N, C-alpha and C. Protein backbone atom coordinates (compact mmCIF):
# COMPACT_ATOMS: atom_id res chain seq x y z
N UNK A 1 163.34 24.25 114.48
CA UNK A 1 162.18 24.71 113.75
C UNK A 1 162.15 24.02 112.39
N UNK A 2 160.95 23.86 111.89
CA UNK A 2 160.80 23.29 110.56
C UNK A 2 159.47 23.73 109.97
N UNK A 3 159.31 23.50 108.67
CA UNK A 3 158.05 23.77 107.99
C UNK A 3 157.19 22.52 108.02
N UNK A 4 155.88 22.72 108.11
CA UNK A 4 154.95 21.60 108.09
C UNK A 4 153.69 22.00 107.33
N UNK A 5 152.99 21.00 106.83
CA UNK A 5 151.69 21.20 106.21
C UNK A 5 150.63 20.68 107.16
N UNK A 6 149.61 21.46 107.41
CA UNK A 6 148.54 21.05 108.32
C UNK A 6 147.56 20.17 107.55
N UNK A 7 147.34 18.97 108.08
CA UNK A 7 146.45 18.01 107.44
C UNK A 7 145.10 17.86 108.14
N UNK A 8 144.98 18.38 109.36
CA UNK A 8 143.71 18.28 110.05
C UNK A 8 143.83 18.68 111.51
N UNK A 9 142.76 18.43 112.24
CA UNK A 9 142.71 18.73 113.66
C UNK A 9 142.54 17.43 114.44
N UNK A 10 142.76 17.53 115.73
CA UNK A 10 142.63 16.37 116.61
C UNK A 10 141.78 16.80 117.80
N UNK A 11 140.82 15.98 118.15
CA UNK A 11 139.98 16.23 119.33
C UNK A 11 140.27 15.14 120.35
N UNK A 12 140.51 15.54 121.59
CA UNK A 12 140.82 14.57 122.65
C UNK A 12 139.75 14.64 123.73
N UNK A 13 139.18 13.49 124.08
CA UNK A 13 138.18 13.43 125.14
C UNK A 13 138.81 13.63 126.50
N UNK A 14 140.04 13.19 126.65
CA UNK A 14 140.78 13.36 127.91
C UNK A 14 142.18 13.83 127.56
N UNK A 15 142.69 14.81 128.31
CA UNK A 15 144.03 15.32 128.06
C UNK A 15 144.62 15.90 129.33
N UNK A 16 145.92 16.12 129.31
CA UNK A 16 146.63 16.69 130.44
C UNK A 16 145.96 18.00 130.84
N UNK A 17 145.92 18.28 132.12
CA UNK A 17 145.22 19.47 132.63
C UNK A 17 145.73 20.78 132.04
N UNK A 18 147.01 20.84 131.68
CA UNK A 18 147.55 22.08 131.10
C UNK A 18 147.09 22.30 129.66
N UNK A 19 146.50 21.28 129.06
CA UNK A 19 146.10 21.37 127.66
C UNK A 19 144.60 21.62 127.47
N UNK A 20 143.89 21.91 128.54
CA UNK A 20 142.48 22.24 128.43
C UNK A 20 142.31 23.51 127.59
N UNK A 21 141.44 23.47 126.60
CA UNK A 21 141.18 24.63 125.76
C UNK A 21 142.22 24.87 124.68
N UNK A 22 143.19 23.98 124.54
CA UNK A 22 144.25 24.14 123.54
C UNK A 22 143.83 23.45 122.25
N UNK A 23 144.12 24.08 121.13
CA UNK A 23 143.80 23.54 119.81
C UNK A 23 144.94 22.65 119.33
N UNK A 24 144.59 21.40 118.96
CA UNK A 24 145.56 20.45 118.44
C UNK A 24 145.43 20.34 116.92
N UNK A 25 146.55 20.33 116.24
CA UNK A 25 146.59 20.13 114.79
C UNK A 25 147.43 18.90 114.48
N UNK A 26 147.13 18.28 113.35
CA UNK A 26 147.96 17.20 112.84
C UNK A 26 148.68 17.75 111.62
N UNK A 27 150.00 17.65 111.63
CA UNK A 27 150.79 18.19 110.54
C UNK A 27 151.86 17.23 110.07
N UNK A 28 152.30 17.46 108.87
CA UNK A 28 153.34 16.64 108.25
C UNK A 28 154.55 17.52 107.98
N UNK A 29 155.70 17.12 108.48
CA UNK A 29 156.94 17.88 108.25
C UNK A 29 157.25 17.94 106.76
N UNK A 30 157.75 19.10 106.30
CA UNK A 30 158.09 19.29 104.90
C UNK A 30 159.59 19.46 104.71
N UNK A 31 160.11 18.86 103.66
CA UNK A 31 161.50 19.03 103.26
C UNK A 31 161.61 20.28 102.38
N UNK A 32 162.84 20.68 102.06
CA UNK A 32 163.07 21.88 101.26
C UNK A 32 162.41 21.81 99.89
N UNK A 33 162.28 20.61 99.33
CA UNK A 33 161.66 20.47 98.01
C UNK A 33 160.14 20.36 98.07
N UNK A 34 159.58 20.45 99.27
CA UNK A 34 158.13 20.38 99.45
C UNK A 34 157.59 19.00 99.73
N UNK A 35 158.43 17.97 99.66
CA UNK A 35 157.99 16.61 99.95
C UNK A 35 157.83 16.43 101.46
N UNK A 36 157.02 15.47 101.84
CA UNK A 36 156.80 15.21 103.26
C UNK A 36 157.88 14.30 103.81
N UNK A 37 158.05 14.35 105.14
CA UNK A 37 159.09 13.58 105.80
C UNK A 37 158.57 13.04 107.12
N UNK A 38 158.81 11.78 107.40
CA UNK A 38 158.47 11.20 108.69
C UNK A 38 156.98 10.98 108.89
N UNK A 39 156.64 10.69 110.13
CA UNK A 39 155.26 10.42 110.53
C UNK A 39 154.52 11.72 110.79
N UNK A 40 153.19 11.72 110.67
CA UNK A 40 152.41 12.91 111.06
C UNK A 40 152.63 13.22 112.54
N UNK A 41 152.60 14.51 112.88
CA UNK A 41 152.86 14.96 114.24
C UNK A 41 151.70 15.78 114.76
N UNK A 42 151.51 15.76 116.07
CA UNK A 42 150.50 16.59 116.72
C UNK A 42 151.19 17.83 117.27
N UNK A 43 150.62 18.99 116.99
CA UNK A 43 151.19 20.25 117.47
C UNK A 43 150.07 21.12 118.01
N UNK A 44 150.44 22.10 118.84
CA UNK A 44 149.43 23.01 119.37
C UNK A 44 149.50 24.32 118.60
N UNK A 45 148.34 25.00 118.56
CA UNK A 45 148.22 26.19 117.71
C UNK A 45 147.39 27.26 118.39
N UNK A 46 147.92 28.49 118.38
CA UNK A 46 147.17 29.67 118.84
C UNK A 46 146.92 30.65 117.70
N UNK A 47 147.47 30.36 116.53
CA UNK A 47 147.43 31.32 115.43
C UNK A 47 146.26 31.11 114.48
N UNK A 48 145.60 29.98 114.54
CA UNK A 48 144.46 29.73 113.67
C UNK A 48 144.81 29.12 112.33
N UNK A 49 145.87 28.31 112.28
CA UNK A 49 146.24 27.63 111.04
C UNK A 49 145.10 26.69 110.62
N UNK A 50 144.94 26.56 109.32
CA UNK A 50 143.86 25.72 108.78
C UNK A 50 144.43 24.57 107.96
N UNK A 51 143.56 23.64 107.64
CA UNK A 51 143.96 22.50 106.81
C UNK A 51 144.57 23.01 105.51
N UNK A 52 145.72 22.47 105.14
CA UNK A 52 146.42 22.88 103.94
C UNK A 52 147.42 24.00 104.15
N UNK A 53 147.37 24.68 105.30
CA UNK A 53 148.32 25.75 105.59
C UNK A 53 149.72 25.19 105.74
N UNK A 54 150.70 25.99 105.32
CA UNK A 54 152.10 25.70 105.63
C UNK A 54 152.44 26.54 106.85
N UNK A 55 153.08 25.93 107.82
CA UNK A 55 153.37 26.61 109.08
C UNK A 55 154.82 26.40 109.48
N UNK A 56 155.30 27.28 110.37
CA UNK A 56 156.59 27.11 111.01
C UNK A 56 156.32 26.51 112.38
N UNK A 57 157.03 25.44 112.70
CA UNK A 57 156.82 24.73 113.97
C UNK A 57 158.08 24.84 114.83
N UNK A 58 157.92 25.27 116.07
CA UNK A 58 159.02 25.28 117.03
C UNK A 58 159.05 23.93 117.74
N UNK A 59 160.26 23.42 117.95
CA UNK A 59 160.42 22.10 118.57
C UNK A 59 161.03 22.12 119.96
N UNK A 60 161.43 23.29 120.46
CA UNK A 60 162.18 23.31 121.72
C UNK A 60 161.31 23.21 122.97
N UNK A 61 160.02 23.45 122.87
CA UNK A 61 159.12 23.32 124.02
C UNK A 61 159.07 24.53 124.93
N UNK A 62 160.01 25.47 124.81
CA UNK A 62 160.02 26.64 125.68
C UNK A 62 158.77 27.50 125.50
N UNK A 63 158.32 27.64 124.26
CA UNK A 63 157.11 28.43 124.00
C UNK A 63 155.91 27.77 124.67
N UNK A 64 155.80 26.46 124.56
CA UNK A 64 154.70 25.74 125.19
C UNK A 64 154.74 25.88 126.72
N UNK A 65 155.92 25.79 127.31
CA UNK A 65 156.04 25.93 128.76
C UNK A 65 155.67 27.34 129.22
N UNK A 66 156.08 28.35 128.47
CA UNK A 66 155.71 29.73 128.83
C UNK A 66 154.22 29.97 128.73
N UNK A 67 153.61 29.38 127.73
CA UNK A 67 152.18 29.55 127.50
C UNK A 67 151.32 28.71 128.44
N UNK A 68 151.74 27.45 128.67
CA UNK A 68 150.89 26.48 129.37
C UNK A 68 151.39 26.07 130.74
N UNK A 69 152.58 26.50 131.13
CA UNK A 69 153.14 26.13 132.43
C UNK A 69 154.27 25.13 132.28
N UNK A 70 155.13 25.10 133.28
CA UNK A 70 156.34 24.28 133.22
C UNK A 70 156.10 22.78 133.19
N UNK A 71 154.94 22.32 133.62
CA UNK A 71 154.72 20.88 133.64
C UNK A 71 153.92 20.37 132.44
N UNK A 72 153.74 21.20 131.42
CA UNK A 72 152.99 20.74 130.25
C UNK A 72 153.80 19.72 129.45
N UNK A 73 153.15 18.70 128.92
CA UNK A 73 153.86 17.73 128.09
C UNK A 73 154.00 18.19 126.63
N UNK A 74 153.44 19.33 126.27
CA UNK A 74 153.50 19.81 124.89
C UNK A 74 154.90 20.30 124.54
N UNK A 75 155.29 20.07 123.28
CA UNK A 75 156.60 20.53 122.82
C UNK A 75 156.52 21.21 121.47
N UNK A 76 155.67 20.73 120.56
CA UNK A 76 155.59 21.27 119.21
C UNK A 76 154.52 22.36 119.15
N UNK A 77 154.92 23.56 118.73
CA UNK A 77 154.02 24.71 118.70
C UNK A 77 154.10 25.41 117.35
N UNK A 78 152.94 25.70 116.76
CA UNK A 78 152.90 26.50 115.54
C UNK A 78 153.25 27.94 115.92
N UNK A 79 154.31 28.48 115.30
CA UNK A 79 154.75 29.84 115.62
C UNK A 79 154.63 30.79 114.44
N UNK A 80 154.20 30.28 113.28
CA UNK A 80 154.02 31.13 112.12
C UNK A 80 153.22 30.43 111.04
N UNK A 81 152.45 31.21 110.29
CA UNK A 81 151.72 30.71 109.12
C UNK A 81 152.44 31.28 107.90
N UNK A 82 152.88 30.42 107.01
CA UNK A 82 153.73 30.80 105.88
C UNK A 82 152.88 31.27 104.70
N UNK A 83 153.24 32.42 104.14
CA UNK A 83 152.61 32.90 102.92
C UNK A 83 153.36 32.40 101.69
N UNK A 84 154.68 32.54 101.69
CA UNK A 84 155.50 32.12 100.56
C UNK A 84 156.85 31.64 101.07
N UNK A 85 157.45 30.73 100.29
CA UNK A 85 158.80 30.28 100.57
C UNK A 85 159.66 30.64 99.36
N UNK A 86 160.79 31.31 99.60
CA UNK A 86 161.72 31.67 98.53
C UNK A 86 163.03 30.97 98.79
N UNK A 87 163.42 30.10 97.88
CA UNK A 87 164.67 29.36 98.01
C UNK A 87 165.75 30.11 97.23
N UNK A 88 166.95 30.20 97.77
CA UNK A 88 168.05 30.88 97.09
C UNK A 88 168.33 30.27 95.72
N UNK A 89 168.53 31.14 94.71
CA UNK A 89 168.86 30.68 93.37
C UNK A 89 167.68 30.20 92.55
N UNK A 90 166.47 30.31 93.07
CA UNK A 90 165.29 29.85 92.33
C UNK A 90 164.33 30.98 92.09
């Protein structure tokens, strides 16, 4: 799991059959200091995260398989929308 910032949405004209009706977001992984890390990633969302939201992303794919079926190619799922982050000692 990691924190990410949502930068936008993605629309696909063609997609895997298990992903019909699924909302795609584009997000950037966040480090502990709030800086971004790596390339932007595509994740699926059922919670209604919006552009600029900080979210918790699951990476294990089990949630996606339970939701969309065992043959889904999805792995990254938004599992929480973050209100605040409190770092120890700060």
